[in-house]
């Protein structure tokens, strides 16, 4: 059965410019201000232990009205709960940021929900393990391995992605900040579709610095 979710479509990779996802939004006025920027995807965290837990400040009506693709971030939640939450908040897609299996991704994709699967990268990247996930994921998100399930605010060795040979495009995450714009603009890696930013653009957990984001976008896209 396909879920009837009213939301802008998840954008496809663009050859002319990188996609940009801003994650960890929480406060209504700030969400509206970030949505007015030329960003492609907004991310909202639905993991209750996170200081950026979106339902504490946002309601479903506001999320449904946003004219930008909206991704809900979940950590080791059941597919049934994820589907209900996505339908209630009008999410475009879901991001799985825990130890979810390829079968979990398949169940959500078959229910009509595009899936972004976050992969924690340490000193190595096991591409063979990811092959099982690839058919069911619209994007991978490569983030830095660490103690926190939802991101650790530091970068990993991007050279590990030189060997990437899977068909699923990905967003690069992990400690990306304003000082990375020039490097990211010139970065060429197989499968790279764009970037996912969060904590280094914050004035506080869930509160994004809109001016800093605007300047970063201008630099990133030249």
Protein backbone atom coordinates (compact mmCIF):
# COMPACT_ATOMS: atom_id res chain seq x y z
CA UNK A 1 0.00 0.00 0.00
CA UNK A 2 1.37 3.43 -0.92
CA UNK A 3 1.08 6.26 1.61
CA UNK A 4 -0.54 9.42 0.24
CA UNK A 5 1.89 12.01 1.57
CA UNK A 6 1.30 15.62 0.52
CA UNK A 7 4.75 17.13 0.17
CA UNK A 8 7.14 18.45 -2.48
CA UNK A 9 9.06 15.67 -4.18
CA UNK A 10 12.50 14.70 -2.99
CA UNK A 11 14.88 16.44 -5.42
CA UNK A 12 17.05 14.42 -7.76
CA UNK A 13 20.79 15.12 -8.14
CA UNK A 14 21.47 18.17 -10.29
CA UNK A 15 24.42 18.34 -12.68
CA UNK A 16 24.53 22.14 -12.48
CA UNK A 17 24.86 22.55 -8.70
CA UNK A 18 25.07 20.55 -5.47
CA UNK A 19 21.97 19.88 -3.42
CA UNK A 20 21.88 21.37 0.07
CA UNK A 21 20.06 19.87 3.05
CA UNK A 22 19.77 21.87 6.27
CA UNK A 23 19.01 19.54 9.15
CA UNK A 24 18.00 19.86 12.78
CA UNK A 25 15.44 22.67 12.45
CA UNK A 26 13.06 23.24 15.31
CA UNK A 27 11.68 26.76 15.84
CA UNK A 28 8.77 28.02 13.67
CA UNK A 29 10.06 31.47 12.68
CA UNK A 30 13.55 30.11 12.06
CA UNK A 31 12.15 27.27 9.95
CA UNK A 32 10.28 29.78 7.79
CA UNK A 33 13.40 31.92 7.36
CA UNK A 34 15.57 28.95 6.33
CA UNK A 35 12.85 27.67 3.98
CA UNK A 36 13.00 31.01 2.16
CA UNK A 37 16.68 30.40 1.29
CA UNK A 38 17.66 28.49 -1.88
CA UNK A 39 17.93 25.18 -0.03
CA UNK A 40 16.68 21.87 -1.41
CA UNK A 41 15.79 19.81 1.66
CA UNK A 42 14.91 20.63 5.27
CA UNK A 43 15.56 18.05 7.97
CA UNK A 44 13.52 17.62 11.15
CA UNK A 45 14.60 15.31 13.95
CA UNK A 46 12.04 12.91 15.41
CA UNK A 47 14.38 11.20 17.89
CA UNK A 48 13.03 12.19 21.35
CA UNK A 49 16.46 12.21 23.02
CA UNK A 50 17.80 14.86 20.64
CA UNK A 51 17.96 18.52 21.77
CA UNK A 52 16.65 19.29 18.26
CA UNK A 53 13.52 17.14 18.68
CA UNK A 54 11.14 18.92 16.33
CA UNK A 55 7.67 18.04 17.70
CA UNK A 56 8.36 20.01 20.89
CA UNK A 57 8.13 23.30 18.98
CA UNK A 58 6.62 22.55 15.56
CA UNK A 59 3.17 21.38 14.61
CA UNK A 60 2.09 19.33 11.65
CA UNK A 61 0.20 22.18 10.01
CA UNK A 62 3.33 24.31 9.67
CA UNK A 63 5.40 21.47 8.26
CA UNK A 64 2.71 20.63 5.72
CA UNK A 65 2.70 24.21 4.42
CA UNK A 66 6.43 24.40 3.74
CA UNK A 67 7.19 24.54 -0.01
CA UNK A 68 10.48 22.63 0.41
CA UNK A 69 11.15 18.90 0.57
CA UNK A 70 10.94 17.80 4.21
CA UNK A 71 12.83 14.84 5.66
CA UNK A 72 12.13 13.36 9.07
CA UNK A 73 15.12 11.91 10.90
CA UNK A 74 14.51 8.76 12.96
CA UNK A 75 16.83 6.60 15.05
CA UNK A 76 15.98 2.90 15.39
CA UNK A 77 12.23 3.51 15.21
CA UNK A 78 9.82 0.90 13.84
CA UNK A 79 8.66 1.25 10.22
CA UNK A 80 5.05 1.43 11.39
CA UNK A 81 5.70 4.42 13.67
CA UNK A 82 7.79 6.11 10.98
CA UNK A 83 4.99 5.74 8.43
CA UNK A 84 2.38 7.19 10.80
CA UNK A 85 4.63 10.12 11.71
CA UNK A 86 5.48 10.85 8.09
CA UNK A 87 1.82 10.87 7.13
CA UNK A 88 0.85 13.11 10.06
CA UNK A 89 3.56 15.72 9.38
CA UNK A 90 3.40 15.54 5.58
CA UNK A 91 7.02 14.47 5.21
CA UNK A 92 8.56 14.04 1.78
CA UNK A 93 10.99 11.32 2.89
CA UNK A 94 12.54 9.74 5.95
CA UNK A 95 16.14 9.54 7.10
CA UNK A 96 17.23 6.52 9.13
CA UNK A 97 20.13 7.41 11.40
CA UNK A 98 20.50 4.29 13.53
CA UNK A 99 21.14 0.57 13.06
CA UNK A 100 18.22 0.02 10.71
CA UNK A 101 18.41 -2.98 8.38
CA UNK A 102 18.05 -3.12 4.61
CA UNK A 103 14.68 -4.81 5.27
CA UNK A 104 13.54 -1.73 7.23
CA UNK A 105 14.51 0.49 4.30
CA UNK A 106 12.68 -1.83 1.91
CA UNK A 107 9.49 -1.76 4.01
CA UNK A 108 9.40 2.04 4.01
CA UNK A 109 10.25 2.37 0.33
CA UNK A 110 7.53 -0.13 -0.57
CA UNK A 111 5.07 1.95 1.50
CA UNK A 112 5.83 4.95 -0.73
CA UNK A 113 8.36 6.73 1.45
CA UNK A 114 11.71 7.66 -0.09
CA UNK A 115 14.52 6.65 2.28
CA UNK A 116 17.79 8.39 3.09
CA UNK A 117 20.05 6.03 5.04
CA UNK A 118 22.77 7.60 7.16
CA UNK A 119 26.05 5.70 7.23
CA UNK A 120 28.57 6.34 10.01
CA UNK A 121 32.07 6.44 8.53
CA UNK A 122 35.13 5.77 10.64
CA UNK A 123 38.57 4.81 9.41
CA UNK A 124 37.10 2.56 6.71
CA UNK A 125 33.99 2.38 4.51
CA UNK A 126 32.50 -1.06 3.83
CA UNK A 127 30.91 -0.65 0.41
CA UNK A 128 30.01 -4.34 0.20
CA UNK A 129 27.72 -3.97 3.24
CA UNK A 130 25.98 -0.99 1.66
CA UNK A 131 25.11 -2.87 -1.50
CA UNK A 132 22.15 -4.52 0.27
CA UNK A 133 20.69 -1.09 1.11
CA UNK A 134 21.21 0.54 -2.28
CA UNK A 135 18.04 -0.71 -4.05
CA UNK A 136 15.81 0.75 -1.33
CA UNK A 137 17.46 4.12 -0.68
CA UNK A 138 17.08 7.34 -2.63
CA UNK A 139 20.24 8.69 -1.02
CA UNK A 140 22.90 7.68 1.45
CA UNK A 141 24.16 10.26 3.92
CA UNK A 142 27.78 9.74 4.89
CA UNK A 143 28.39 11.11 8.38
CA UNK A 144 31.24 10.78 10.86
CA UNK A 145 31.19 7.83 13.25
CA UNK A 146 31.16 8.79 16.92
CA UNK A 147 29.26 8.47 20.20
CA UNK A 148 26.14 10.32 19.04
CA UNK A 149 23.67 8.55 16.75
CA UNK A 150 22.54 11.78 15.14
CA UNK A 151 25.86 13.24 14.05
CA UNK A 152 29.01 14.25 15.88
CA UNK A 153 29.97 17.59 14.34
CA UNK A 154 33.32 16.48 12.92
CA UNK A 155 34.52 15.56 9.43
CA UNK A 156 35.78 12.17 8.30
CA UNK A 157 38.36 11.37 5.62
CA UNK A 158 36.49 12.14 2.40
CA UNK A 159 39.13 10.30 0.37
CA UNK A 160 37.45 7.06 1.46
CA UNK A 161 34.70 7.92 -1.02
CA UNK A 162 37.04 7.85 -4.01
CA UNK A 163 36.26 4.13 -4.32
CA UNK A 164 32.47 4.60 -4.21
CA UNK A 165 30.87 2.56 -7.00
CA UNK A 166 27.23 2.07 -5.96
CA UNK A 167 24.30 3.51 -7.96
CA UNK A 168 22.76 5.35 -4.99
CA UNK A 169 23.77 9.04 -4.83
CA UNK A 170 24.76 10.51 -1.49
CA UNK A 171 24.98 13.66 0.59
CA UNK A 172 28.16 14.41 2.47
CA UNK A 173 27.71 15.32 6.16
CA UNK A 174 29.81 15.50 9.29
CA UNK A 175 31.02 18.80 10.71
CA UNK A 176 30.53 20.86 7.55
CA UNK A 177 30.71 24.55 8.35
CA UNK A 178 31.06 27.99 6.75
CA UNK A 179 34.81 27.53 6.34
CA UNK A 180 34.27 24.51 4.07
CA UNK A 181 32.41 26.34 1.29
CA UNK A 182 35.37 26.88 -1.05
CA UNK A 183 36.64 23.31 -0.65
CA UNK A 184 33.20 21.79 -1.14
CA UNK A 185 32.61 23.87 -4.26
CA UNK A 186 35.61 22.20 -5.90
CA UNK A 187 35.04 18.72 -4.46
CA UNK A 188 34.53 16.00 -7.06
CA UNK A 189 33.72 12.53 -5.76
CA UNK A 190 31.87 9.63 -7.44
CA UNK A 191 28.20 9.62 -6.41
CA UNK A 192 28.33 12.97 -4.59
CA UNK A 193 25.02 14.83 -5.00
CA UNK A 194 25.30 17.48 -2.31
CA UNK A 195 25.82 18.36 1.32
CA UNK A 196 24.01 18.09 4.65
CA UNK A 197 24.71 20.81 7.25
CA UNK A 198 23.57 21.21 10.82
CA UNK A 199 25.38 22.11 14.04
CA UNK A 200 28.07 24.43 12.69
CA UNK A 201 25.38 26.82 11.44
CA UNK A 202 23.61 27.12 14.76
CA UNK A 203 23.15 29.81 17.37
CA UNK A 204 21.80 27.09 19.66
CA UNK A 205 20.42 23.54 19.22
CA UNK A 206 17.82 23.71 16.46
CA UNK A 207 18.24 27.46 15.86
CA UNK A 208 20.03 28.16 12.58
CA UNK A 209 22.01 31.29 11.76
CA UNK A 210 20.21 32.41 8.61
CA UNK A 211 22.81 35.00 7.58
CA UNK A 212 25.62 32.47 7.90
CA UNK A 213 23.66 29.96 5.84
CA UNK A 214 22.94 32.54 3.14
CA UNK A 215 26.62 33.45 2.86
CA UNK A 216 27.61 29.77 2.74
CA UNK A 217 25.13 29.08 -0.07
CA UNK A 218 26.44 32.04 -2.07
CA UNK A 219 30.00 30.76 -1.71
CA UNK A 220 29.14 27.12 -2.31
CA UNK A 221 27.27 27.78 -5.53
CA UNK A 222 29.54 30.54 -6.77
